[in-house]
């Protein structure tokens, strides 16, 4: 049970850090979620949004972070 508690505390800390980072990026003026490459369509009764550019950027950043973490663990 101790391991599960530690994992949940760690996940909570990661979520708090990610939320704080998103708030900070919004205040600085970085338009995360409105980057070039994000697709949106607004019709009469339909609105569709697909954050393709943001998804690619987040994927690259997370890949870099996990790569660096794997290199540090060796």
N, C-alpha and C. Protein backbone atom coordinates (compact mmCIF):
# COMPACT_ATOMS: atom_id res chain seq x y z
N UNK A 1 0.80 -1.19 0.00
CA UNK A 1 0.00 0.00 0.00
C UNK A 1 0.86 1.27 0.00
N UNK A 2 2.04 1.20 0.59
CA UNK A 2 2.89 2.38 0.61
C UNK A 2 3.31 2.79 -0.80
N UNK A 3 3.60 1.80 -1.65
CA UNK A 3 4.00 2.12 -3.02
C UNK A 3 2.87 2.80 -3.78
N UNK A 4 1.65 2.31 -3.59
CA UNK A 4 0.51 2.91 -4.27
C UNK A 4 0.31 4.35 -3.80
N UNK A 5 0.46 4.58 -2.52
CA UNK A 5 0.33 5.94 -2.00
C UNK A 5 1.38 6.87 -2.57
N UNK A 6 2.60 6.39 -2.68
CA UNK A 6 3.68 7.21 -3.24
C UNK A 6 3.43 7.51 -4.72
N UNK A 7 2.92 6.52 -5.44
CA UNK A 7 2.62 6.73 -6.85
C UNK A 7 1.52 7.78 -7.01
N UNK A 8 0.48 7.70 -6.19
CA UNK A 8 -0.60 8.67 -6.27
C UNK A 8 -0.14 10.08 -5.90
N UNK A 9 0.71 10.18 -4.90
CA UNK A 9 1.26 11.49 -4.53
C UNK A 9 2.12 12.04 -5.66
N UNK A 10 2.92 11.18 -6.28
CA UNK A 10 3.75 11.61 -7.41
C UNK A 10 2.92 12.07 -8.59
N UNK A 11 1.86 11.32 -8.91
CA UNK A 11 0.99 11.71 -10.02
C UNK A 11 0.29 13.03 -9.71
N UNK A 12 -0.12 13.21 -8.47
CA UNK A 12 -0.75 14.46 -8.08
C UNK A 12 0.21 15.64 -8.22
N UNK A 13 1.45 15.43 -7.83
CA UNK A 13 2.45 16.50 -7.96
C UNK A 13 2.71 16.83 -9.43
N UNK A 14 2.73 15.82 -10.28
CA UNK A 14 2.93 16.06 -11.71
C UNK A 14 1.75 16.85 -12.29
N UNK A 15 0.53 16.49 -11.90
CA UNK A 15 -0.64 17.20 -12.39
C UNK A 15 -0.66 18.65 -11.91
N UNK A 16 -0.29 18.89 -10.67
CA UNK A 16 -0.23 20.26 -10.14
C UNK A 16 0.83 21.06 -10.91
N UNK A 17 1.98 20.46 -11.16
CA UNK A 17 3.04 21.16 -11.90
C UNK A 17 2.60 21.46 -13.33
N UNK A 18 1.93 20.51 -13.98
CA UNK A 18 1.45 20.73 -15.35
C UNK A 18 0.39 21.83 -15.38
N UNK A 19 -0.51 21.83 -14.41
CA UNK A 19 -1.52 22.89 -14.33
C UNK A 19 -0.90 24.25 -14.10
N UNK A 20 0.07 24.32 -13.22
CA UNK A 20 0.76 25.59 -12.97
C UNK A 20 1.50 26.08 -14.20
N UNK A 21 2.10 25.15 -14.94
CA UNK A 21 2.80 25.52 -16.16
C UNK A 21 1.84 26.07 -17.21
N UNK A 22 0.67 25.46 -17.34
CA UNK A 22 -0.32 25.95 -18.30
C UNK A 22 -0.82 27.33 -17.93
N UNK A 23 -1.04 27.57 -16.64
CA UNK A 23 -1.47 28.89 -16.20
C UNK A 23 -0.37 29.91 -16.47
N UNK A 24 0.86 29.56 -16.18
CA UNK A 24 1.99 30.46 -16.41
C UNK A 24 2.16 30.77 -17.89
N UNK A 25 2.04 29.75 -18.75
CA UNK A 25 2.16 29.98 -20.19
C UNK A 25 1.05 30.89 -20.70
N UNK A 26 -0.15 30.75 -20.14
CA UNK A 26 -1.25 31.61 -20.55
C UNK A 26 -1.02 33.06 -20.16
N UNK A 27 -0.43 33.28 -19.01
CA UNK A 27 -0.18 34.66 -18.55
C UNK A 27 0.99 35.30 -19.29
N UNK A 28 1.95 34.49 -19.70
CA UNK A 28 3.11 35.02 -20.43
C UNK A 28 2.71 35.40 -21.85
N UNK A 29 1.72 34.74 -22.40
CA UNK A 29 1.25 35.07 -23.74
C UNK A 29 1.53 34.01 -24.78
N UNK A 30 2.00 32.84 -24.35
CA UNK A 30 2.22 31.74 -25.30
C UNK A 30 0.87 31.08 -25.55
N UNK A 31 0.40 31.11 -26.78
CA UNK A 31 -0.97 30.65 -27.07
C UNK A 31 -1.08 29.14 -27.22
N UNK A 32 -0.77 28.41 -26.16
CA UNK A 32 -0.87 26.96 -26.22
C UNK A 32 -2.33 26.58 -26.45
N UNK A 33 -2.60 25.90 -27.54
CA UNK A 33 -3.97 25.58 -27.92
C UNK A 33 -4.45 26.42 -29.08
N UNK A 34 -3.71 27.45 -29.43
CA UNK A 34 -4.04 28.30 -30.57
C UNK A 34 -2.82 28.51 -31.45
N UNK A 35 -2.04 27.47 -31.61
CA UNK A 35 -0.83 27.55 -32.41
C UNK A 35 -1.14 27.40 -33.89
N UNK A 36 -0.22 27.84 -34.77
CA UNK A 36 -0.42 27.56 -36.19
C UNK A 36 -0.43 26.04 -36.40
N UNK A 37 -1.35 25.56 -37.16
CA UNK A 37 -1.48 24.13 -37.38
C UNK A 37 -2.65 23.54 -36.61
N UNK A 38 -3.21 24.28 -35.66
CA UNK A 38 -4.41 23.84 -34.97
C UNK A 38 -5.60 24.08 -35.89
N UNK A 39 -6.38 23.05 -36.11
CA UNK A 39 -7.49 23.12 -37.05
C UNK A 39 -8.79 23.40 -36.32
N UNK A 40 -9.58 24.29 -36.89
CA UNK A 40 -10.89 24.57 -36.31
C UNK A 40 -11.88 24.83 -37.44
N UNK A 41 -13.09 24.41 -37.23
CA UNK A 41 -14.17 24.60 -38.19
C UNK A 41 -15.40 25.07 -37.42
N UNK A 42 -15.98 26.14 -37.87
CA UNK A 42 -17.20 26.65 -37.25
C UNK A 42 -18.27 26.75 -38.33
N UNK A 43 -19.27 25.93 -38.19
CA UNK A 43 -20.41 25.97 -39.10
C UNK A 43 -21.59 26.62 -38.41
N UNK A 44 -22.77 26.46 -39.00
CA UNK A 44 -23.97 27.02 -38.40
C UNK A 44 -24.26 26.40 -37.04
N UNK A 45 -24.32 25.09 -37.01
CA UNK A 45 -24.69 24.38 -35.78
C UNK A 45 -23.59 23.45 -35.28
N UNK A 46 -22.38 23.60 -35.80
CA UNK A 46 -21.31 22.68 -35.46
C UNK A 46 -20.01 23.44 -35.31
N UNK A 47 -19.28 23.08 -34.28
CA UNK A 47 -17.95 23.65 -34.08
C UNK A 47 -17.00 22.50 -33.76
N UNK A 48 -15.95 22.35 -34.55
CA UNK A 48 -14.99 21.27 -34.38
C UNK A 48 -13.60 21.89 -34.22
N UNK A 49 -12.85 21.42 -33.24
CA UNK A 49 -11.51 21.92 -32.99
C UNK A 49 -10.57 20.74 -32.82
N UNK A 50 -9.46 20.74 -33.54
CA UNK A 50 -8.47 19.69 -33.44
C UNK A 50 -7.10 20.34 -33.29
N UNK A 51 -6.50 20.26 -32.10
CA UNK A 51 -5.22 20.94 -31.85
C UNK A 51 -4.02 20.14 -32.37
N UNK A 52 -3.87 20.08 -33.68
CA UNK A 52 -2.80 19.28 -34.28
C UNK A 52 -1.42 19.87 -33.98
N UNK A 53 -1.25 21.16 -34.15
CA UNK A 53 0.05 21.80 -33.88
C UNK A 53 0.45 21.67 -32.43
N UNK A 54 -0.50 21.88 -31.52
CA UNK A 54 -0.23 21.76 -30.08
C UNK A 54 0.12 20.32 -29.73
N UNK A 55 -0.57 19.36 -30.33
CA UNK A 55 -0.30 17.95 -30.05
C UNK A 55 1.11 17.56 -30.50
N UNK A 56 1.52 18.03 -31.64
CA UNK A 56 2.86 17.73 -32.14
C UNK A 56 3.92 18.35 -31.23
N UNK A 57 3.70 19.60 -30.82
CA UNK A 57 4.65 20.27 -29.94
C UNK A 57 4.76 19.56 -28.60
N UNK A 58 3.64 19.19 -28.00
CA UNK A 58 3.67 18.47 -26.73
C UNK A 58 4.32 17.10 -26.86
N UNK A 59 4.08 16.44 -27.98
CA UNK A 59 4.70 15.14 -28.22
C UNK A 59 6.22 15.26 -28.29
N UNK A 60 6.70 16.27 -28.99
CA UNK A 60 8.15 16.47 -29.08
C UNK A 60 8.75 16.79 -27.71
N UNK A 61 8.09 17.66 -26.96
CA UNK A 61 8.61 18.02 -25.64
C UNK A 61 8.62 16.84 -24.68
N UNK A 62 7.54 16.07 -24.66
CA UNK A 62 7.49 14.90 -23.78
C UNK A 62 8.48 13.83 -24.20
N UNK A 63 8.68 13.65 -25.50
CA UNK A 63 9.69 12.69 -25.97
C UNK A 63 11.08 13.11 -25.51
N UNK A 64 11.38 14.39 -25.58
CA UNK A 64 12.67 14.90 -25.13
C UNK A 64 12.84 14.70 -23.62
N UNK A 65 11.81 15.00 -22.85
CA UNK A 65 11.88 14.84 -21.40
C UNK A 65 12.10 13.38 -21.03
N UNK A 66 11.34 12.47 -21.63
CA UNK A 66 11.49 11.05 -21.30
C UNK A 66 12.83 10.50 -21.78
N UNK A 67 13.35 10.99 -22.90
CA UNK A 67 14.66 10.58 -23.36
C UNK A 67 15.73 11.01 -22.35
N UNK A 68 15.64 12.27 -21.91
CA UNK A 68 16.63 12.76 -20.93
C UNK A 68 16.53 12.01 -19.60
N UNK A 69 15.31 11.70 -19.16
CA UNK A 69 15.15 10.94 -17.93
C UNK A 69 15.73 9.53 -18.06
N UNK A 70 15.55 8.91 -19.23
CA UNK A 70 16.11 7.55 -19.41
C UNK A 70 17.62 7.59 -19.44
N UNK A 71 18.19 8.66 -19.98
CA UNK A 71 19.66 8.79 -20.02
C UNK A 71 20.22 9.02 -18.62
N UNK A 72 19.49 9.75 -17.77
CA UNK A 72 19.95 10.03 -16.42
C UNK A 72 19.86 8.80 -15.52
N UNK A 73 18.94 7.90 -15.80
CA UNK A 73 18.76 6.72 -14.96
C UNK A 73 19.83 5.67 -15.20
N UNK A 74 20.54 5.76 -16.30
CA UNK A 74 21.57 4.75 -16.62
C UNK A 74 22.82 4.96 -15.83
